[in-house]
Amino acid sequence: MKRKPLTTRTLVITTASMITGSAVGTTTETVAAHLGYNGPGVGPAITAMAALWVLDKLNTLVDDQK
């Protein structure tokens, strides 16, 4: 199976999605802690979902297929 080469576009999209996901996850954990919810796993779960959502949206927005 032929792999697509690693490009600057891929790196920028991946980095942006990881930064956004991390920020959303941290915010979610902070809000949950202030509301009294101390259950584990809220931040990482939201981080993963936000990162994947942003990755999908940016990949679609900056589609390099002509």
N, C-alpha and C. Protein backbone atom coordinates (compact mmCIF):
# COMPACT_ATOMS: atom_id res chain seq x y z
N MET A 1 0.84 -1.16 0.00
CA MET A 1 0.00 0.00 0.00
C MET A 1 0.89 1.24 0.00
N LYS A 2 0.61 2.14 -0.92
CA LYS A 2 1.40 3.36 -1.04
C LYS A 2 0.90 4.39 -0.03
N ARG A 3 1.84 4.96 0.72
CA ARG A 3 1.50 5.97 1.72
C ARG A 3 1.63 7.35 1.14
N LYS A 4 0.76 8.25 1.60
CA LYS A 4 0.82 9.64 1.21
C LYS A 4 1.99 10.28 1.96
N PRO A 5 2.81 11.06 1.28
CA PRO A 5 3.95 11.67 1.97
C PRO A 5 3.50 12.68 3.02
N LEU A 6 4.33 12.85 4.03
CA LEU A 6 4.08 13.83 5.07
C LEU A 6 4.35 15.22 4.51
N THR A 7 3.34 16.06 4.55
CA THR A 7 3.47 17.39 3.97
C THR A 7 3.33 18.46 5.05
N THR A 8 3.66 19.69 4.70
CA THR A 8 3.49 20.81 5.61
C THR A 8 2.02 21.00 5.94
N ARG A 9 1.16 20.78 4.96
CA ARG A 9 -0.29 20.89 5.16
C ARG A 9 -0.75 19.92 6.24
N THR A 10 -0.30 18.69 6.17
CA THR A 10 -0.67 17.68 7.15
C THR A 10 -0.17 18.06 8.54
N LEU A 11 1.06 18.55 8.61
CA LEU A 11 1.62 18.95 9.90
C LEU A 11 0.86 20.12 10.51
N VAL A 12 0.51 21.11 9.71
CA VAL A 12 -0.21 22.28 10.22
C VAL A 12 -1.60 21.89 10.71
N ILE A 13 -2.31 21.09 9.93
CA ILE A 13 -3.65 20.66 10.31
C ILE A 13 -3.61 19.82 11.59
N THR A 14 -2.67 18.90 11.68
CA THR A 14 -2.56 18.05 12.86
C THR A 14 -2.19 18.86 14.09
N THR A 15 -1.26 19.78 13.95
CA THR A 15 -0.84 20.62 15.08
C THR A 15 -1.99 21.50 15.54
N ALA A 16 -2.71 22.11 14.62
CA ALA A 16 -3.83 22.97 14.99
C ALA A 16 -4.92 22.17 15.71
N SER A 17 -5.19 20.96 15.25
CA SER A 17 -6.23 20.16 15.90
C SER A 17 -5.80 19.71 17.29
N MET A 18 -4.52 19.40 17.47
CA MET A 18 -4.04 18.99 18.79
C MET A 18 -4.07 20.17 19.77
N ILE A 19 -3.68 21.35 19.32
CA ILE A 19 -3.70 22.53 20.19
C ILE A 19 -5.14 22.87 20.60
N THR A 20 -6.04 22.85 19.64
CA THR A 20 -7.44 23.15 19.93
C THR A 20 -8.05 22.11 20.85
N GLY A 21 -7.79 20.84 20.58
CA GLY A 21 -8.31 19.77 21.42
C GLY A 21 -7.81 19.87 22.84
N SER A 22 -6.54 20.19 23.00
CA SER A 22 -5.96 20.34 24.33
C SER A 22 -6.60 21.50 25.08
N ALA A 23 -6.81 22.61 24.41
CA ALA A 23 -7.44 23.76 25.05
C ALA A 23 -8.87 23.46 25.48
N VAL A 24 -9.62 22.80 24.62
CA VAL A 24 -11.00 22.45 24.94
C VAL A 24 -11.05 21.45 26.10
N GLY A 25 -10.15 20.48 26.09
CA GLY A 25 -10.11 19.49 27.17
C GLY A 25 -9.75 20.12 28.51
N THR A 26 -8.79 21.02 28.52
CA THR A 26 -8.41 21.71 29.75
C THR A 26 -9.55 22.57 30.28
N THR A 27 -10.22 23.28 29.37
CA THR A 27 -11.36 24.10 29.77
C THR A 27 -12.48 23.23 30.35
N THR A 28 -12.73 22.09 29.73
CA THR A 28 -13.77 21.18 30.21
C THR A 28 -13.43 20.65 31.60
N GLU A 29 -12.18 20.27 31.83
CA GLU A 29 -11.79 19.79 33.15
C GLU A 29 -11.93 20.88 34.20
N THR A 30 -11.57 22.11 33.85
CA THR A 30 -11.68 23.22 34.79
C THR A 30 -13.14 23.49 35.15
N VAL A 31 -14.00 23.54 34.14
CA VAL A 31 -15.42 23.77 34.39
C VAL A 31 -16.01 22.63 35.21
N ALA A 32 -15.66 21.39 34.88
CA ALA A 32 -16.17 20.24 35.62
C ALA A 32 -15.72 20.27 37.08
N ALA A 33 -14.48 20.68 37.31
CA ALA A 33 -13.98 20.77 38.69
C ALA A 33 -14.72 21.85 39.47
N HIS A 34 -15.02 22.97 38.84
CA HIS A 34 -15.76 24.04 39.51
C HIS A 34 -17.20 23.64 39.79
N LEU A 35 -17.75 22.77 38.98
CA LEU A 35 -19.11 22.30 39.19
C LEU A 35 -19.18 21.15 40.20
N GLY A 36 -18.02 20.68 40.64
CA GLY A 36 -17.98 19.63 41.64
C GLY A 36 -17.87 18.22 41.09
N TYR A 37 -17.70 18.09 39.79
CA TYR A 37 -17.54 16.77 39.19
C TYR A 37 -16.06 16.42 39.16
N ASN A 38 -15.68 15.42 39.91
CA ASN A 38 -14.27 15.05 39.99
C ASN A 38 -13.98 13.70 39.35
N GLY A 39 -14.86 13.24 38.50
CA GLY A 39 -14.65 11.95 37.84
C GLY A 39 -13.52 12.00 36.84
N PRO A 40 -12.74 10.95 36.77
CA PRO A 40 -11.64 10.93 35.81
C PRO A 40 -12.13 10.68 34.39
N GLY A 41 -11.39 11.16 33.44
CA GLY A 41 -11.66 10.84 32.04
C GLY A 41 -12.44 11.87 31.26
N VAL A 42 -12.94 12.91 31.91
CA VAL A 42 -13.72 13.91 31.18
C VAL A 42 -12.83 14.70 30.24
N GLY A 43 -11.73 15.22 30.74
CA GLY A 43 -10.82 16.03 29.93
C GLY A 43 -10.23 15.28 28.75
N PRO A 44 -9.66 14.09 28.97
CA PRO A 44 -9.09 13.36 27.84
C PRO A 44 -10.12 12.95 26.79
N ALA A 45 -11.32 12.62 27.22
CA ALA A 45 -12.36 12.23 26.26
C ALA A 45 -12.76 13.42 25.40
N ILE A 46 -12.96 14.58 26.01
CA ILE A 46 -13.32 15.78 25.27
C ILE A 46 -12.16 16.24 24.39
N THR A 47 -10.93 16.08 24.89
CA THR A 47 -9.75 16.44 24.10
C THR A 47 -9.71 15.63 22.81
N ALA A 48 -9.92 14.34 22.92
CA ALA A 48 -9.88 13.47 21.74
C ALA A 48 -10.99 13.81 20.76
N MET A 49 -12.21 14.01 21.28
CA MET A 49 -13.33 14.33 20.39
C MET A 49 -13.12 15.68 19.69
N ALA A 50 -12.66 16.68 20.43
CA ALA A 50 -12.44 18.00 19.83
C ALA A 50 -11.32 17.96 18.80
N ALA A 51 -10.24 17.25 19.11
CA ALA A 51 -9.11 17.17 18.17
C ALA A 51 -9.54 16.47 16.88
N LEU A 52 -10.28 15.39 16.99
CA LEU A 52 -10.74 14.69 15.78
C LEU A 52 -11.73 15.54 14.98
N TRP A 53 -12.60 16.27 15.67
CA TRP A 53 -13.57 17.11 14.98
C TRP A 53 -12.86 18.22 14.21
N VAL A 54 -11.91 18.90 14.87
CA VAL A 54 -11.16 19.98 14.22
C VAL A 54 -10.32 19.43 13.07
N LEU A 55 -9.71 18.27 13.27
CA LEU A 55 -8.91 17.65 12.21
C LEU A 55 -9.78 17.39 10.98
N ASP A 56 -10.96 16.85 11.20
CA ASP A 56 -11.87 16.57 10.08
C ASP A 56 -12.30 17.85 9.38
N LYS A 57 -12.67 18.87 10.16
CA LYS A 57 -13.13 20.13 9.57
C LYS A 57 -12.02 20.84 8.81
N LEU A 58 -10.82 20.90 9.38
CA LEU A 58 -9.71 21.55 8.67
C LEU A 58 -9.29 20.76 7.43
N ASN A 59 -9.33 19.45 7.52
CA ASN A 59 -8.97 18.62 6.37
C ASN A 59 -9.96 18.84 5.23
N THR A 60 -11.24 18.99 5.56
CA THR A 60 -12.24 19.26 4.54
C THR A 60 -12.11 20.68 4.00
N LEU A 61 -11.84 21.63 4.89
CA LEU A 61 -11.73 23.03 4.49
C LEU A 61 -10.53 23.28 3.59
N VAL A 62 -9.42 22.63 3.91
CA VAL A 62 -8.18 22.85 3.16
C VAL A 62 -7.93 21.62 2.29
N ASP A 63 -8.93 21.19 1.59
CA ASP A 63 -8.81 20.00 0.75
C ASP A 63 -7.89 20.28 -0.42
N ASP A 64 -6.90 19.42 -0.61
CA ASP A 64 -5.93 19.65 -1.68
C ASP A 64 -6.26 18.87 -2.96
N GLN A 65 -7.43 18.25 -2.99
CA GLN A 65 -7.85 17.55 -4.21
C GLN A 65 -8.49 18.56 -5.16
N LYS A 66 -8.02 18.56 -6.38
CA LYS A 66 -8.57 19.54 -7.34
C LYS A 66 -9.47 18.85 -8.33
